[in-house]
Amino acid sequence: MPEFSKDQWLEICPDLTIDTMKGGQQICFSDEMLEDLAGSVWRDGYLFQEPVFRKEELDPVCRGLKALTKKGIPPVYIYLFDQPWILFSKLNRLIGHFLGNGFALLPNLWAWYFDKPGERGWRPHHDCHLQTVFDIGGDQMLMSLSLWIPLTDVDEENGCMYVLPRSREAVLKTNPDMEQSLLEPHAVALPAKAGSVLGWPQDVVHWGGRYSEAAIMPRASLSLEFQNSSFDPLVAPFLDAASPPVFEERLRLIRAQYDKYKHIVADNEIRAYFT
């Protein structure tokens, strides 16, 4: 990657800002909404929240992803800018419901932008190989949570997410290598409108779809991971969810993702990131 100054990055994505972040207004999740989402997580292994973000919040980030991609810069560099962090910061009530107050941000992040047939998301995987749901005195406790925000409408044509529900995990006993063709009959596709929030405990198997000839619009999305800070860090160090990293720290964090994920990224990402 070329070495750009902060001003040069801002020239590439003029609709975005760096190190001027102001906390966005928290999204109000009612107790009923949170109970419904929790029920889905405990029952099915994932949550699906209809759009909570406004188009004017999403479009500048989406334009930024497009601008980076056009210049051959991996989409994950969108995290140099404030706006992706601001989007996730508005979900604190949702995250805290699952992970408790004072939850931590894990140093794991990624972003995707597909607009060419054949491009695809990550193959079947789980974000953590350890058990992440515990029964504590009859109550369930979640250790860590991955959240995924589509910035454009996503469907089976442009690469929506797929999840293996808890009730169908028995298939993993005969398919420990998570061969996708064998998992697909058991998976649930998750088409979603721009601004929705999808999430899953980190031991849940999931994968990204393929961008097809029938796709109408690009598939742009963001992902961050969070952990209950009562547990030892799954990945050190914990980041302060209330105060995301500044520019130089963001740059180091982004560069550290390459080795972490090179075993799982798609072929189109290997060409962009590792050649």
Protein backbone atom coordinates (compact mmCIF):
# COMPACT_ATOMS: atom_id res chain seq x y z
CA MET A 1 0.00 0.00 0.00
CA PRO A 2 1.23 3.52 -0.75
CA GLU A 3 1.94 5.77 2.20
CA PHE A 4 -0.66 8.53 2.21
CA SER A 5 -0.91 11.46 4.57
CA LYS A 6 -4.14 12.17 6.39
CA ASP A 7 -4.90 14.96 3.91
CA GLN A 8 -4.35 12.64 0.96
CA TRP A 9 -6.78 10.10 2.41
CA LEU A 10 -9.34 12.88 2.82
CA GLU A 11 -8.87 13.84 -0.83
CA ILE A 12 -9.80 10.30 -1.84
CA CYS A 13 -12.92 10.30 0.36
CA PRO A 14 -13.94 13.97 0.66
CA ASP A 15 -17.32 13.17 2.23
CA LEU A 16 -15.65 11.59 5.27
CA THR A 17 -13.59 12.85 8.20
CA ILE A 18 -10.60 11.68 10.23
CA ASP A 19 -10.07 12.31 13.95
CA THR A 20 -12.97 14.74 14.24
CA MET A 21 -15.37 12.06 15.41
CA LYS A 22 -18.35 13.13 17.45
CA GLY A 23 -20.45 10.43 19.05
CA GLY A 24 -23.68 9.89 17.21
CA GLN A 25 -27.04 9.79 18.91
CA GLN A 26 -27.73 6.35 20.31
CA ILE A 27 -30.32 4.28 18.47
CA CYS A 28 -33.22 3.58 20.78
CA PHE A 29 -33.82 -0.15 21.00
CA SER A 30 -36.92 -0.79 23.10
CA ASP A 31 -36.91 -3.53 25.70
CA GLU A 32 -39.32 -5.47 23.50
CA MET A 33 -37.01 -5.19 20.49
CA LEU A 34 -34.04 -6.36 22.53
CA GLU A 35 -35.97 -9.29 23.95
CA ASP A 36 -37.01 -10.35 20.44
CA LEU A 37 -33.43 -10.10 19.17
CA ALA A 38 -32.12 -12.03 22.16
CA GLY A 39 -34.70 -14.74 21.57
CA SER A 40 -33.49 -15.10 18.01
CA VAL A 41 -29.85 -15.34 19.12
CA TRP A 42 -30.51 -17.99 21.78
CA ARG A 43 -32.87 -19.95 19.54
CA ASP A 44 -31.36 -19.63 16.05
CA GLY A 45 -27.84 -18.33 16.63
CA TYR A 46 -28.17 -14.95 14.92
CA LEU A 47 -29.96 -11.62 15.12
CA PHE A 48 -31.55 -9.68 12.28
CA GLN A 49 -32.66 -6.11 12.90
CA GLU A 50 -34.50 -4.21 10.17
CA PRO A 51 -32.88 -0.89 9.11
CA VAL A 52 -31.98 1.47 11.94
CA PHE A 53 -29.64 3.80 10.02
CA ARG A 54 -30.68 6.60 7.69
CA LYS A 55 -29.65 6.70 4.04
CA GLU A 56 -27.72 9.93 4.59
CA GLU A 57 -25.58 8.15 7.21
CA LEU A 58 -24.79 5.23 4.93
CA ASP A 59 -24.24 6.86 1.55
CA PRO A 60 -21.01 8.77 2.39
CA VAL A 61 -19.41 5.55 3.68
CA CYS A 62 -20.59 3.67 0.61
CA ARG A 63 -19.14 6.36 -1.67
CA GLY A 64 -15.91 6.11 0.29
CA LEU A 65 -15.74 2.36 -0.26
CA LYS A 66 -16.35 2.86 -3.97
CA ALA A 67 -13.62 5.51 -4.17
CA LEU A 68 -11.10 3.30 -2.39
CA THR A 69 -11.93 0.34 -4.61
CA LYS A 70 -11.63 2.45 -7.75
CA LYS A 71 -8.08 3.37 -6.73
CA GLY A 72 -7.19 -0.25 -5.96
CA ILE A 73 -7.14 0.35 -2.20
CA PRO A 74 -8.61 -2.47 -0.09
CA PRO A 75 -12.03 -1.53 1.33
CA VAL A 76 -10.88 -2.19 4.91
CA TYR A 77 -9.07 1.18 4.74
CA ILE A 78 -12.50 2.78 5.20
CA TYR A 79 -11.76 2.37 8.92
CA LEU A 80 -9.21 5.17 8.68
CA PHE A 81 -12.25 7.45 8.64
CA ASP A 82 -14.58 8.36 11.49
CA GLN A 83 -17.90 7.42 9.96
CA PRO A 84 -17.72 3.59 10.18
CA TRP A 85 -16.83 3.88 13.88
CA ILE A 86 -19.71 6.32 14.39
CA LEU A 87 -22.21 3.88 12.88
CA PHE A 88 -21.25 1.09 15.25
CA SER A 89 -21.07 3.48 18.23
CA LYS A 90 -24.80 4.10 17.82
CA LEU A 91 -25.49 0.43 18.60
CA ASN A 92 -24.21 0.52 22.19
CA ARG A 93 -27.59 -0.29 23.72
CA LEU A 94 -27.92 -3.34 21.49
CA ILE A 95 -24.36 -4.54 22.14
CA GLY A 96 -24.59 -3.88 25.87
CA HIS A 97 -27.76 -5.96 26.10
CA PHE A 98 -25.76 -9.02 25.03
CA LEU A 99 -22.29 -8.28 26.43
CA GLY A 100 -22.96 -6.08 29.44
CA ASN A 101 -22.03 -2.49 30.14
CA GLY A 102 -18.37 -1.72 29.60
CA PHE A 103 -18.06 -4.20 26.74
CA ALA A 104 -14.83 -4.02 24.72
CA LEU A 105 -14.10 -3.67 21.04
CA LEU A 106 -11.93 -6.44 19.61
CA PRO A 107 -9.11 -5.47 17.21
CA ASN A 108 -10.85 -7.33 14.36
CA LEU A 109 -12.45 -5.47 11.46
CA TRP A 110 -13.19 -5.78 7.77
CA ALA A 111 -15.12 -4.14 4.97
CA TRP A 112 -16.36 -5.33 1.58
CA TYR A 113 -17.31 -3.72 -1.73
CA PHE A 114 -18.39 -5.94 -4.63
CA ASP A 115 -19.51 -4.67 -8.01
CA LYS A 116 -18.16 -7.29 -10.42
CA PRO A 117 -19.63 -10.74 -11.15
CA GLY A 118 -17.68 -13.50 -9.45
CA GLU A 119 -16.59 -11.42 -6.47
CA ARG A 120 -17.65 -13.00 -3.21
CA GLY A 121 -17.50 -12.87 0.55
CA TRP A 122 -15.62 -15.15 2.90
CA ARG A 123 -16.15 -18.88 2.73
CA PRO A 124 -17.81 -20.74 5.64
CA HIS A 125 -16.11 -20.01 8.94
CA HIS A 126 -16.71 -19.02 12.53
CA ASP A 127 -15.08 -15.97 14.05
CA CYS A 128 -13.99 -17.85 17.17
CA HIS A 129 -13.25 -21.56 17.58
CA LEU A 130 -14.17 -21.49 21.26
CA GLN A 131 -17.57 -21.80 22.89
CA THR A 132 -19.00 -18.29 23.21
CA VAL A 133 -22.40 -18.95 24.85
CA PHE A 134 -22.52 -20.05 28.48
CA ASP A 135 -25.29 -21.11 30.83
CA ILE A 136 -24.89 -19.27 34.14
CA GLY A 137 -27.41 -20.41 36.72
CA GLY A 138 -30.03 -21.01 34.07
CA ASP A 139 -29.37 -17.70 32.31
CA GLN A 140 -27.44 -17.56 29.06
CA MET A 141 -24.37 -15.34 28.78
CA LEU A 142 -22.64 -14.33 25.58
CA MET A 143 -18.86 -13.87 25.52
CA SER A 144 -18.49 -12.23 22.12
CA LEU A 145 -20.55 -10.91 19.25
CA SER A 146 -19.88 -10.07 15.60
CA LEU A 147 -21.98 -7.36 13.94
CA TRP A 148 -22.38 -6.80 10.20
CA ILE A 149 -23.97 -3.70 8.63
CA PRO A 150 -24.96 -3.66 4.94
CA LEU A 151 -24.60 -0.21 3.43
CA THR A 152 -26.56 -1.24 0.33
CA ASP A 153 -29.49 -3.59 -0.08
CA VAL A 154 -28.12 -7.14 -0.17
CA ASP A 155 -29.76 -10.24 -1.62
CA GLU A 156 -28.81 -13.59 -3.05
CA GLU A 157 -27.82 -11.95 -6.35
CA ASN A 158 -25.24 -9.50 -4.97
CA GLY A 159 -23.89 -11.56 -2.09
CA CYS A 160 -26.00 -11.59 1.08
CA MET A 161 -24.89 -13.38 4.24
CA TYR A 162 -25.66 -17.03 4.97
CA VAL A 163 -25.86 -18.51 8.46
CA LEU A 164 -25.98 -22.09 9.72
CA PRO A 165 -28.69 -22.02 12.41
CA ARG A 166 -28.04 -23.66 15.76
CA SER A 167 -30.69 -26.28 15.04
CA ARG A 168 -28.74 -27.49 12.01
CA GLU A 169 -25.22 -27.57 13.43
CA ALA A 170 -25.24 -31.37 13.56
CA VAL A 171 -24.18 -31.29 9.91
CA LEU A 172 -20.76 -30.07 11.09
CA LYS A 173 -20.08 -33.49 12.62
CA THR A 174 -19.92 -35.01 9.14
CA ASN A 175 -18.42 -31.89 7.55
CA PRO A 176 -15.77 -30.59 9.98
CA ASP A 177 -13.95 -28.76 7.18
CA MET A 178 -17.11 -26.73 6.48
CA GLU A 179 -17.29 -27.56 2.79
CA GLN A 180 -19.72 -24.96 1.49
CA SER A 181 -21.59 -27.17 -0.98
CA LEU A 182 -22.48 -29.51 1.88
CA LEU A 183 -23.56 -26.69 4.19
CA GLU A 184 -25.69 -24.79 1.69
CA PRO A 185 -28.79 -27.05 1.95
CA HIS A 186 -28.84 -26.41 5.71
CA ALA A 187 -28.14 -22.65 5.65
CA VAL A 188 -30.42 -19.64 5.90
CA ALA A 189 -29.92 -16.76 3.45
CA LEU A 190 -30.23 -13.31 5.02
CA PRO A 191 -31.24 -10.73 2.41
CA ALA A 192 -31.26 -7.34 4.11
CA LYS A 193 -32.03 -3.72 3.41
CA ALA A 194 -29.31 -1.08 3.69
CA GLY A 195 -28.87 0.00 7.30
CA SER A 196 -29.99 -3.30 8.82
CA VAL A 197 -27.93 -4.91 11.58
CA LEU A 198 -27.00 -8.59 11.48
CA GLY A 199 -25.08 -10.36 14.21
CA TRP A 200 -24.10 -13.71 15.65
CA PRO A 201 -22.16 -15.26 18.52
CA GLN A 202 -18.67 -15.87 17.27
CA ASP A 203 -18.88 -19.66 17.21
CA VAL A 204 -21.75 -19.59 14.67
CA VAL A 205 -20.83 -20.70 11.13
CA HIS A 206 -21.59 -18.14 8.43
CA TRP A 207 -20.33 -17.00 5.02
CA GLY A 208 -20.77 -14.37 2.34
CA GLY A 209 -22.50 -14.92 -0.97
CA ARG A 210 -21.31 -14.32 -4.52
CA TYR A 211 -21.91 -11.26 -6.71
CA SER A 212 -23.72 -12.57 -9.78
CA GLU A 213 -24.53 -11.35 -13.27
CA ALA A 214 -28.08 -10.71 -12.04
CA ALA A 215 -26.95 -8.25 -9.33
CA ILE A 216 -28.46 -4.81 -9.62
CA MET A 217 -26.38 -2.80 -7.16
CA PRO A 218 -22.99 -3.14 -5.40
CA ARG A 219 -22.72 -5.04 -2.15
CA ALA A 220 -21.07 -2.80 0.46
CA SER A 221 -20.79 -3.77 4.11
CA LEU A 222 -18.88 -3.34 7.37
CA SER A 223 -18.05 -5.65 10.26
CA LEU A 224 -16.74 -5.17 13.79
CA GLU A 225 -16.43 -7.58 16.73
CA PHE A 226 -17.17 -7.03 20.42
CA GLN A 227 -16.53 -8.92 23.65
CA ASN A 228 -17.78 -9.07 27.21
CA SER A 229 -14.84 -7.51 29.06
CA SER A 230 -15.32 -9.85 32.03
CA PHE A 231 -13.57 -12.54 29.98
CA ASP A 232 -9.91 -12.54 28.99
CA PRO A 233 -9.46 -11.00 25.53
CA LEU A 234 -10.02 -13.40 22.67
CA VAL A 235 -7.68 -11.15 20.71
CA ALA A 236 -5.45 -8.70 22.56
CA PRO A 237 -5.52 -5.88 23.16
CA PHE A 238 -9.05 -4.82 23.94
CA LEU A 239 -9.94 -1.49 22.34
CA ASP A 240 -12.04 1.11 24.12
CA ALA A 241 -15.46 0.95 22.47
CA ALA A 242 -16.23 4.42 23.85
CA SER A 243 -13.13 5.97 22.25
CA PRO A 244 -12.14 4.39 18.93
CA PRO A 245 -8.50 4.62 17.85
CA VAL A 246 -7.01 7.71 16.27
CA PHE A 247 -5.51 7.88 12.79
CA GLU A 248 -2.08 6.31 13.37
CA GLU A 249 -3.58 3.56 15.53
CA ARG A 250 -6.22 2.89 12.90
CA LEU A 251 -3.53 2.54 10.26
CA ARG A 252 -1.60 -0.01 12.33
CA LEU A 253 -4.80 -1.86 13.14
CA ILE A 254 -5.82 -2.12 9.50
CA ARG A 255 -2.42 -3.41 8.43
CA ALA A 256 -2.59 -6.09 11.12
CA GLN A 257 -5.74 -7.57 9.58
CA TYR A 258 -3.95 -8.98 6.54
CA ASP A 259 -2.07 -11.83 8.20
CA LYS A 260 -5.04 -12.47 10.47
CA TYR A 261 -7.47 -13.17 7.66
CA LYS A 262 -5.41 -14.28 4.68
CA HIS A 263 -6.47 -17.91 5.26
CA ILE A 264 -10.13 -17.10 4.75
CA VAL A 265 -10.57 -14.19 2.37
CA ALA A 266 -12.00 -14.74 -1.11
CA ASP A 267 -9.91 -15.05 -4.27
CA ASN A 268 -10.93 -11.55 -5.39
CA GLU A 269 -9.66 -10.18 -2.07
CA ILE A 270 -6.40 -12.11 -2.32
CA ARG A 271 -5.70 -10.39 -5.63
CA ALA A 272 -6.47 -6.97 -4.16
CA TYR A 273 -4.82 -7.35 -0.78
CA PHE A 274 -1.94 -9.74 -1.09
CA THR A 275 -0.45 -9.23 -4.56
